[in-house]
């Protein structure tokens, strides 16, 4: 009788252990999936940031070129005005 009770307790403990292992595996898998999803989201944010940064850099370059052209135009107009004043 005692032997049978020990066997039943052993089976019960093994069943509890099996349930705990499956629960742990499911939680691990879920956490691993969440981590993978967060990595993908971070990667997407990094790519978006890179694209936006490149676009802003191009805007800055265009504005710098526009400023250089306007300054050159202003210098030319100023020089022309000086030449016209000198002729008078």
C-alpha atoms as a PDB file:
ATOM      1  CA  UNK A   1       0.000   0.000   0.000  1.00  0.00           C
ATOM      2  CA  UNK A   2       2.776   2.405   0.888  1.00  0.00           C
ATOM      3  CA  UNK A   3       4.601   1.496  -2.296  1.00  0.00           C
ATOM      4  CA  UNK A   4       1.509   2.265  -4.369  1.00  0.00           C
ATOM      5  CA  UNK A   5       1.075   5.633  -2.662  1.00  0.00           C
ATOM      6  CA  UNK A   6       4.725   6.483  -3.354  1.00  0.00           C
ATOM      7  CA  UNK A   7       4.232   5.528  -7.004  1.00  0.00           C
ATOM      8  CA  UNK A   8       1.165   7.762  -7.254  1.00  0.00           C
ATOM      9  CA  UNK A   9       3.031  10.649  -5.635  1.00  0.00           C
ATOM     10  CA  UNK A  10       5.930  10.098  -8.031  1.00  0.00           C
ATOM     11  CA  UNK A  11       3.578  10.135 -11.029  1.00  0.00           C
ATOM     12  CA  UNK A  12       1.883  13.253  -9.694  1.00  0.00           C
ATOM     13  CA  UNK A  13       5.233  15.017  -9.188  1.00  0.00           C
ATOM     14  CA  UNK A  14       6.340  13.995 -12.696  1.00  0.00           C
ATOM     15  CA  UNK A  15       3.096  15.362 -14.087  1.00  0.00           C
ATOM     16  CA  UNK A  16       3.571  18.634 -12.174  1.00  0.00           C
ATOM     17  CA  UNK A  17       7.142  18.824 -13.456  1.00  0.00           C
ATOM     18  CA  UNK A  18       5.990  18.200 -17.018  1.00  0.00           C
ATOM     19  CA  UNK A  19       3.372  20.949 -16.719  1.00  0.00           C
ATOM     20  CA  UNK A  20       5.932  23.344 -15.248  1.00  0.00           C
ATOM     21  CA  UNK A  21       8.388  22.561 -18.065  1.00  0.00           C
ATOM     22  CA  UNK A  22       5.741  23.186 -20.741  1.00  0.00           C
ATOM     23  CA  UNK A  23       4.704  26.401 -19.030  1.00  0.00           C
ATOM     24  CA  UNK A  24       8.325  27.552 -18.830  1.00  0.00           C
ATOM     25  CA  UNK A  25       8.884  26.650 -22.507  1.00  0.00           C
ATOM     26  CA  UNK A  26       5.763  28.563 -23.551  1.00  0.00           C
ATOM     27  CA  UNK A  27       6.813  31.627 -21.548  1.00  0.00           C
ATOM     28  CA  UNK A  28      10.347  31.434 -22.950  1.00  0.00           C
ATOM     29  CA  UNK A  29       9.022  31.173 -26.498  1.00  0.00           C
ATOM     30  CA  UNK A  30       6.694  34.128 -25.917  1.00  0.00           C
ATOM     31  CA  UNK A  31       9.485  36.262 -24.468  1.00  0.00           C
ATOM     32  CA  UNK A  32      11.793  35.278 -27.309  1.00  0.00           C
ATOM     33  CA  UNK A  33       9.114  36.301 -29.818  1.00  0.00           C
ATOM     34  CA  UNK A  34       8.646  39.630 -28.049  1.00  0.00           C
ATOM     35  CA  UNK A  35      12.396  40.270 -28.093  1.00  0.00           C
ATOM     36  CA  UNK A  36      12.567  39.428 -31.799  1.00  0.00           C
ATOM     37  CA  UNK A  37       9.652  41.774 -32.505  1.00  0.00           C
ATOM     38  CA  UNK A  38      11.330  44.557 -30.530  1.00  0.00           C
ATOM     39  CA  UNK A  39      14.554  44.000 -32.494  1.00  0.00           C
ATOM     40  CA  UNK A  40      12.632  44.288 -35.767  1.00  0.00           C
ATOM     41  CA  UNK A  41      10.900  47.462 -34.582  1.00  0.00           C
ATOM     42  CA  UNK A  42      14.229  48.947 -33.539  1.00  0.00           C
ATOM     43  CA  UNK A  43      15.743  48.019 -36.885  1.00  0.00           C
ATOM     44  CA  UNK A  44      12.846  49.694 -38.686  1.00  0.00           C
ATOM     45  CA  UNK A  45      13.235  52.824 -36.543  1.00  0.00           C
ATOM     46  CA  UNK A  46      16.972  52.891 -37.273  1.00  0.00           C
ATOM     47  CA  UNK A  47      16.356  52.622 -41.037  1.00  0.00           C
ATOM     48  CA  UNK A  48      13.704  55.351 -40.863  1.00  0.00           C
ATOM     49  CA  UNK A  49      16.051  57.592 -38.883  1.00  0.00           C
ATOM     50  CA  UNK A  50      18.843  56.973 -41.397  1.00  0.00           C
ATOM     51  CA  UNK A  51      16.595  57.839 -44.349  1.00  0.00           C
ATOM     52  CA  UNK A  52      15.304  60.977 -42.611  1.00  0.00           C
ATOM     53  CA  UNK A  53      18.839  62.026 -41.681  1.00  0.00           C
ATOM     54  CA  UNK A  54      20.045  61.558 -45.259  1.00  0.00           C
ATOM     55  CA  UNK A  55      17.085  63.586 -46.532  1.00  0.00           C
ATOM     56  CA  UNK A  56      17.797  66.389 -44.065  1.00  0.00           C
ATOM     57  CA  UNK A  57      21.496  66.330 -45.033  1.00  0.00           C
ATOM     58  CA  UNK A  58      20.529  66.732 -48.700  1.00  0.00           C
ATOM     59  CA  UNK A  59      18.240  69.644 -47.785  1.00  0.00           C
ATOM     60  CA  UNK A  60      21.086  71.314 -45.914  1.00  0.00           C
ATOM     61  CA  UNK A  61      23.439  70.808 -48.866  1.00  0.00           C
ATOM     62  CA  UNK A  62      20.881  72.322 -51.237  1.00  0.00           C
ATOM     63  CA  UNK A  63      20.349  75.300 -48.939  1.00  0.00           C
ATOM     64  CA  UNK A  64      24.104  75.800 -48.650  1.00  0.00           C
ATOM     65  CA  UNK A  65      24.451  75.768 -52.458  1.00  0.00           C
ATOM     66  CA  UNK A  66      21.525  78.155 -52.794  1.00  0.00           C
ATOM     67  CA  UNK A  67      23.139  80.489 -50.265  1.00  0.00           C
ATOM     68  CA  UNK A  68      26.482  80.334 -52.111  1.00  0.00           C
ATOM     69  CA  UNK A  69      24.760  81.209 -55.400  1.00  0.00           C
ATOM     70  CA  UNK A  70      22.881  84.119 -53.808  1.00  0.00           C
ATOM     71  CA  UNK A  71      26.090  85.403 -52.223  1.00  0.00           C
ATOM     72  CA  UNK A  72      27.909  85.134 -55.554  1.00  0.00           C
ATOM     73  CA  UNK A  73      25.041  86.965 -57.281  1.00  0.00           C
ATOM     74  CA  UNK A  74      25.127  89.676 -54.593  1.00  0.00           C
ATOM     75  CA  UNK A  75      28.932  90.047 -54.996  1.00  0.00           C
ATOM     76  CA  UNK A  76      28.556  90.340 -58.762  1.00  0.00           C
ATOM     77  CA  UNK A  77      25.785  92.935 -58.452  1.00  0.00           C
ATOM     78  CA  UNK A  78      27.799  94.887 -55.882  1.00  0.00           C
ATOM     79  CA  UNK A  79      30.895  94.802 -58.115  1.00  0.00           C
ATOM     80  CA  UNK A  80      28.849  95.914 -61.117  1.00  0.00           C
ATOM     81  CA  UNK A  81      27.396  98.801 -59.114  1.00  0.00           C
ATOM     82  CA  UNK A  82      30.916  99.847 -58.076  1.00  0.00           C
ATOM     83  CA  UNK A  83      32.002  99.736 -61.709  1.00  0.00           C
ATOM     84  CA  UNK A  84      29.015 101.866 -62.724  1.00  0.00           C
ATOM     85  CA  UNK A  85      29.748 104.374 -59.945  1.00  0.00           C
ATOM     86  CA  UNK A  86      33.424 104.537 -60.953  1.00  0.00           C
ATOM     87  CA  UNK A  87      32.445 105.316 -64.553  1.00  0.00           C
ATOM     88  CA  UNK A  88      30.248 108.218 -63.537  1.00  0.00           C
END
